[in-house]
Each structure stands twice: as C-alpha cells, then as structure tokens.
Amino acid sequence: AGAVEADSFEMTLGQCRSLLRPFLQMPQARDFLAPVDPVALNIPDYPTVITHPMDLGTVEQRLDRKEYTDAGGFVRDMRLVWSNAITYNPVGTPVHAAAA
C-alpha cells in the first residue's frame, strides 16, 4: 500500500471525531465519559478484571492530541470501551445494557 497523504490522514481523523461526537452527547454515555474510578465506585477488583481501561473522554483526548496514527487505533479504543463495560458489568445492569 502507498503512503497516505496528509490531507487524507486529517480527513480520517475528522471522520473519527464525527463518529465520536454523537456518542458523547447521548444520555446513556454518562458512564463512559471518564475513566472508571474503582475507589469512588467501590469496585476494588476493577483493575484486576479490566487490565486495559478505556473511556470516551480518553478517546476524545487522544484525537485532540493526534495520538492516533490511523483510524484503526480509534476503532480499537472505541471497541475497548464497550467490551470492558460488557466484561465487567453483569447482564441486566444498566451499564452492560448501554454498552451492548
């Protein structure tokens, strides 16, 4: 594959931002906007169960800081937000339902 032009790279990240924006504005997103705080939530096993935490706010920061080299990194992190929520929260809980 050939090199990606700078304009194409920016457009790809712009498309990622366009995909993220609606998620950030959804009422169901409130549980996904910031990193999970195991102390505040009294879930001390969270860091043991979820070894690679991710949240929508961190995804947005990574986009802002241009830390993604391609859309693939963005997609991986977005999937990680949902898979972590589904892994940690039992079926039937609001967080699991919002992520599923």
C-alpha atoms as a PDB file:
ATOM      1  CA  ALA A   1       0.000   0.000   0.000  1.00  0.00           C
ATOM      2  CA  GLY A   2       1.158   3.518  -0.748  1.00  0.00           C
ATOM      3  CA  ALA A   3       1.735   6.331   1.685  1.00  0.00           C
ATOM      4  CA  VAL A   4      -1.317   8.182   2.930  1.00  0.00           C
ATOM      5  CA  GLU A   5      -1.404  11.866   2.006  1.00  0.00           C
ATOM      6  CA  ALA A   6      -1.558  14.338   4.901  1.00  0.00           C
ATOM      7  CA  ASP A   7      -4.996  15.574   3.795  1.00  0.00           C
ATOM      8  CA  SER A   8      -6.323  12.012   3.787  1.00  0.00           C
ATOM      9  CA  PHE A   9      -4.872  11.430   7.258  1.00  0.00           C
ATOM     10  CA  GLU A  10      -6.630  14.515   8.640  1.00  0.00           C
ATOM     11  CA  MET A  11      -9.860  13.564   6.945  1.00  0.00           C
ATOM     12  CA  THR A  12      -9.703  10.125   8.509  1.00  0.00           C
ATOM     13  CA  LEU A  13      -9.240  11.605  11.976  1.00  0.00           C
ATOM     14  CA  GLY A  14     -12.011  14.084  11.189  1.00  0.00           C
ATOM     15  CA  GLN A  15     -14.295  11.189  10.352  1.00  0.00           C
ATOM     16  CA  CYS A  16     -13.372   9.565  13.666  1.00  0.00           C
ATOM     17  CA  ARG A  17     -14.302  12.764  15.501  1.00  0.00           C
ATOM     18  CA  SER A  18     -17.592  12.887  13.587  1.00  0.00           C
ATOM     19  CA  LEU A  19     -18.327   9.337  14.719  1.00  0.00           C
ATOM     20  CA  LEU A  20     -17.413  10.090  18.340  1.00  0.00           C
ATOM     21  CA  ARG A  21     -19.439  13.305  18.705  1.00  0.00           C
ATOM     22  CA  PRO A  22     -22.909  11.653  18.807  1.00  0.00           C
ATOM     23  CA  PHE A  23     -21.718   9.134  21.410  1.00  0.00           C
ATOM     24  CA  LEU A  24     -20.510  11.938  23.678  1.00  0.00           C
ATOM     25  CA  GLN A  25     -23.922  13.621  23.512  1.00  0.00           C
ATOM     26  CA  MET A  26     -26.069  10.576  24.287  1.00  0.00           C
ATOM     27  CA  PRO A  27     -27.603  10.449  27.784  1.00  0.00           C
ATOM     28  CA  GLN A  28     -26.512   6.794  28.071  1.00  0.00           C
ATOM     29  CA  ALA A  29     -22.886   7.879  27.604  1.00  0.00           C
ATOM     30  CA  ARG A  30     -22.539   9.386  31.091  1.00  0.00           C
ATOM     31  CA  ASP A  31     -20.985   6.159  32.434  1.00  0.00           C
ATOM     32  CA  PHE A  32     -18.453   6.122  29.609  1.00  0.00           C
ATOM     33  CA  LEU A  33     -17.244   9.752  29.523  1.00  0.00           C
ATOM     34  CA  ALA A  34     -14.448   9.462  32.101  1.00  0.00           C
ATOM     35  CA  PRO A  35     -12.117   6.747  33.366  1.00  0.00           C
ATOM     36  CA  VAL A  36     -13.671   4.330  35.844  1.00  0.00           C
ATOM     37  CA  ASP A  37     -12.730   5.306  39.414  1.00  0.00           C
ATOM     38  CA  PRO A  38     -12.584   2.000  41.315  1.00  0.00           C
ATOM     39  CA  VAL A  39     -12.253   3.766  44.681  1.00  0.00           C
ATOM     40  CA  ALA A  40     -15.194   6.139  44.207  1.00  0.00           C
ATOM     41  CA  LEU A  41     -17.347   3.333  42.820  1.00  0.00           C
ATOM     42  CA  ASN A  42     -16.198   0.853  45.487  1.00  0.00           C
ATOM     43  CA  ILE A  43     -15.180  -1.754  42.909  1.00  0.00           C
ATOM     44  CA  PRO A  44     -11.625  -2.642  44.027  1.00  0.00           C
ATOM     45  CA  ASP A  45     -11.401  -5.623  41.652  1.00  0.00           C
ATOM     46  CA  TYR A  46     -11.902  -3.457  38.545  1.00  0.00           C
ATOM     47  CA  PRO A  47      -8.163  -3.041  37.785  1.00  0.00           C
ATOM     48  CA  THR A  48      -7.693  -6.798  38.116  1.00  0.00           C
ATOM     49  CA  VAL A  49     -10.578  -7.652  35.776  1.00  0.00           C
ATOM     50  CA  ILE A  50     -10.053  -4.790  33.301  1.00  0.00           C
ATOM     51  CA  THR A  51      -6.348  -4.541  32.531  1.00  0.00           C
ATOM     52  CA  HIS A  52      -6.700  -2.017  29.678  1.00  0.00           C
ATOM     53  CA  PRO A  53      -9.272   0.574  30.743  1.00  0.00           C
ATOM     54  CA  MET A  54     -10.686   2.968  28.156  1.00  0.00           C
ATOM     55  CA  ASP A  55     -13.389   5.634  28.114  1.00  0.00           C
ATOM     56  CA  LEU A  56     -14.861   8.075  25.600  1.00  0.00           C
ATOM     57  CA  GLY A  57     -13.175  11.082  27.207  1.00  0.00           C
ATOM     58  CA  THR A  58      -9.766   9.472  26.760  1.00  0.00           C
ATOM     59  CA  VAL A  59     -10.612   8.640  23.144  1.00  0.00           C
ATOM     60  CA  GLU A  60     -11.548  12.286  22.595  1.00  0.00           C
ATOM     61  CA  GLN A  61      -8.300  13.468  24.221  1.00  0.00           C
ATOM     62  CA  ARG A  62      -6.273  11.115  22.032  1.00  0.00           C
ATOM     63  CA  LEU A  63      -7.991  12.542  18.957  1.00  0.00           C
ATOM     64  CA  ASP A  64      -7.333  16.104  20.155  1.00  0.00           C
ATOM     65  CA  ARG A  65      -3.661  15.310  20.793  1.00  0.00           C
ATOM     66  CA  LYS A  66      -3.335  13.470  17.468  1.00  0.00           C
ATOM     67  CA  GLU A  67      -2.141  10.357  19.266  1.00  0.00           C
ATOM     68  CA  TYR A  68      -3.843   8.060  16.755  1.00  0.00           C
ATOM     69  CA  THR A  69      -1.726   7.335  13.710  1.00  0.00           C
ATOM     70  CA  ASP A  70      -4.719   5.928  11.852  1.00  0.00           C
ATOM     71  CA  ALA A  71      -8.410   5.232  12.237  1.00  0.00           C
ATOM     72  CA  GLY A  72      -7.611   1.683  13.364  1.00  0.00           C
ATOM     73  CA  GLY A  73      -6.353   2.885  16.749  1.00  0.00           C
ATOM     74  CA  PHE A  74      -9.518   4.900  17.249  1.00  0.00           C
ATOM     75  CA  VAL A  75     -11.692   1.903  16.356  1.00  0.00           C
ATOM     76  CA  ARG A  76      -9.730  -0.371  18.721  1.00  0.00           C
ATOM     77  CA  ASP A  77     -10.186   2.072  21.608  1.00  0.00           C
ATOM     78  CA  MET A  78     -13.899   2.538  20.914  1.00  0.00           C
ATOM     79  CA  ARG A  79     -14.394  -1.231  20.896  1.00  0.00           C
ATOM     80  CA  LEU A  80     -12.401  -1.457  24.134  1.00  0.00           C
ATOM     81  CA  VAL A  81     -14.797   0.970  25.870  1.00  0.00           C
ATOM     82  CA  TRP A  82     -17.740  -1.306  25.094  1.00  0.00           C
ATOM     83  CA  SER A  83     -16.003  -4.636  25.648  1.00  0.00           C
ATOM     84  CA  ASN A  84     -14.692  -3.514  29.056  1.00  0.00           C
ATOM     85  CA  ALA A  85     -18.184  -2.441  30.133  1.00  0.00           C
ATOM     86  CA  ILE A  86     -19.693  -5.723  28.959  1.00  0.00           C
ATOM     87  CA  THR A  87     -16.913  -7.755  30.597  1.00  0.00           C
ATOM     88  CA  TYR A  88     -17.128  -6.073  33.997  1.00  0.00           C
ATOM     89  CA  ASN A  89     -20.847  -5.348  34.353  1.00  0.00           C
ATOM     90  CA  PRO A  90     -23.263  -8.285  34.603  1.00  0.00           C
ATOM     91  CA  VAL A  91     -26.026  -8.817  32.061  1.00  0.00           C
ATOM     92  CA  GLY A  92     -29.117  -6.913  33.130  1.00  0.00           C
ATOM     93  CA  THR A  93     -27.245  -3.940  34.595  1.00  0.00           C
ATOM     94  CA  PRO A  94     -27.736  -0.502  33.007  1.00  0.00           C
ATOM     95  CA  VAL A  95     -24.048  -0.165  32.078  1.00  0.00           C
ATOM     96  CA  HIS A  96     -23.962  -3.566  30.388  1.00  0.00           C
ATOM     97  CA  ALA A  97     -27.178  -2.748  28.514  1.00  0.00           C
ATOM     98  CA  ALA A  98     -25.849   0.635  27.366  1.00  0.00           C
ATOM     99  CA  ALA A  99     -22.654  -0.966  26.067  1.00  0.00           C
ATOM    100  CA  ALA A 100     -24.252  -3.973  24.392  1.00  0.00           C
END
